[in-house]
Amino acid sequence: MPHLTCSIDDGIATLVLSHPPQNRVHAQMATELALALETTCRSRARAVLVRAGSPDFSFGGGIVDRGRTRTSPNRRPPQTPPRPRPGSRASPDAEAPAPNTGAR
């Protein structure tokens, strides 16, 4: 059963999300959305209207479909600190910058 419908009328493409109750974007809907946008790009549509077929527009992606589960609503994935760029002063093995002599 499709979770998205696409129609094009008078230059307006209308995409309707229809995966109630929350219209979560999962793998099937993402594929259908990509196909609908490809169809829209090949058409003479000059605008795209995305709406819901139910009271809720969309609650976002379905995390279960992505192979992740949450144990706590306040739990966040671990953050990796950014690595210093090679040659930056924050890098312990950084070389001293070459002096600017103005020569080219």
Protein backbone atom coordinates (compact mmCIF):
# COMPACT_ATOMS: atom_id res chain seq x y z
CA MET A 1 0.00 0.00 0.00
CA PRO A 2 1.50 3.37 -0.98
CA HIS A 3 2.19 5.89 1.77
CA LEU A 4 2.44 8.88 -0.55
CA THR A 5 0.41 10.09 -3.51
CA CYS A 6 1.53 12.55 -6.16
CA SER A 7 -0.62 14.56 -8.54
CA ILE A 8 0.28 17.39 -10.90
CA ASP A 9 -2.33 19.92 -11.94
CA ASP A 10 -1.91 23.40 -13.46
CA GLY A 11 1.85 23.40 -12.81
CA ILE A 12 1.50 22.45 -9.14
CA ALA A 13 2.70 19.08 -7.88
CA THR A 14 0.86 17.95 -4.77
CA LEU A 15 2.46 15.27 -2.60
CA VAL A 16 0.19 13.84 0.09
CA LEU A 17 1.69 11.91 3.00
CA SER A 18 -0.68 9.11 3.94
CA HIS A 19 0.88 6.95 6.64
CA PRO A 20 -1.36 7.70 9.65
CA PRO A 21 -1.43 8.41 12.44
CA GLN A 22 1.87 10.34 12.46
CA ASN A 23 3.16 10.11 8.87
CA ARG A 24 6.59 8.96 10.01
CA VAL A 25 9.10 8.76 7.18
CA HIS A 26 10.35 5.18 6.89
CA ALA A 27 12.15 3.37 4.07
CA GLN A 28 9.05 2.83 1.89
CA MET A 29 7.88 6.43 2.22
CA ALA A 30 11.40 7.77 1.53
CA THR A 31 11.56 5.69 -1.67
CA GLU A 32 8.10 6.87 -2.72
CA LEU A 33 9.08 10.48 -1.97
CA ALA A 34 12.24 10.19 -4.10
CA LEU A 35 10.26 8.72 -7.00
CA ALA A 36 7.58 11.41 -6.71
CA LEU A 37 10.21 14.16 -6.74
CA GLU A 38 11.89 12.61 -9.81
CA THR A 39 8.50 12.55 -11.55
CA THR A 40 7.89 16.15 -10.52
CA CYS A 41 11.29 17.26 -11.86
CA ARG A 42 10.51 15.71 -15.25
CA SER A 43 7.10 17.39 -15.40
CA ARG A 44 6.11 20.97 -16.11
CA ALA A 45 5.38 21.61 -12.43
CA ARG A 46 6.64 24.95 -11.17
CA ALA A 47 5.74 24.43 -7.51
CA VAL A 48 5.49 21.55 -5.05
CA LEU A 49 2.94 21.37 -2.26
CA VAL A 50 3.55 18.75 0.43
CA ARG A 51 0.65 18.08 2.77
CA ALA A 52 -0.67 15.37 5.04
CA GLY A 53 -3.72 13.25 4.44
CA SER A 54 -4.26 13.18 8.22
CA PRO A 55 -4.30 15.84 10.98
CA ASP A 56 -0.55 15.48 11.71
CA PHE A 57 1.87 16.59 9.00
CA SER A 58 4.84 14.40 9.95
CA PHE A 59 6.58 13.41 13.15
CA GLY A 60 9.85 12.81 11.26
CA GLY A 61 11.74 9.61 10.62
CA GLY A 62 10.91 6.25 12.09
CA ILE A 63 14.00 5.36 14.12
CA VAL A 64 13.04 1.70 14.32
CA ASP A 65 13.36 1.49 10.53
CA ARG A 66 16.94 2.72 10.78
CA GLY A 67 17.99 -0.11 13.08
CA ARG A 68 18.36 2.04 16.18
CA THR A 69 16.43 1.84 19.40
CA ARG A 70 16.26 4.27 22.28
CA THR A 71 16.37 3.23 25.89
CA SER A 72 15.65 6.65 27.33
CA PRO A 73 14.03 9.76 25.86
CA ASN A 74 16.89 11.85 27.29
CA ARG A 75 19.71 9.65 25.99
CA ARG A 76 21.82 11.14 23.21
CA PRO A 77 24.36 9.38 21.03
CA PRO A 78 27.96 9.84 22.17
CA GLN A 79 29.69 12.85 20.69
CA THR A 80 33.15 12.55 19.20
CA PRO A 81 35.26 15.66 19.77
CA PRO A 82 36.44 17.30 16.57
CA ARG A 83 39.93 16.39 15.47
CA PRO A 84 42.41 19.23 15.14
CA ARG A 85 43.38 20.04 11.58
CA PRO A 86 46.93 19.07 10.62
CA GLY A 87 49.21 22.04 11.10
CA SER A 88 46.85 23.82 13.50
CA ARG A 89 48.18 25.00 16.85
CA ALA A 90 45.81 22.62 18.64
CA SER A 91 47.58 19.63 17.09
CA PRO A 92 50.38 18.30 19.32
CA ASP A 93 52.48 17.36 16.30
CA ALA A 94 51.93 20.66 14.50
CA GLU A 95 54.82 22.27 12.77
CA ALA A 96 55.50 25.95 13.21
CA PRO A 97 53.95 28.01 10.43
CA ALA A 98 56.31 29.23 7.73
CA PRO A 99 57.10 32.93 8.00
CA ASN A 100 55.34 35.18 5.51
CA THR A 101 58.10 36.78 3.46
CA GLY A 102 55.79 38.35 0.93
CA ALA A 103 57.65 36.59 -1.91
CA ARG A 104 55.65 34.68 -4.47
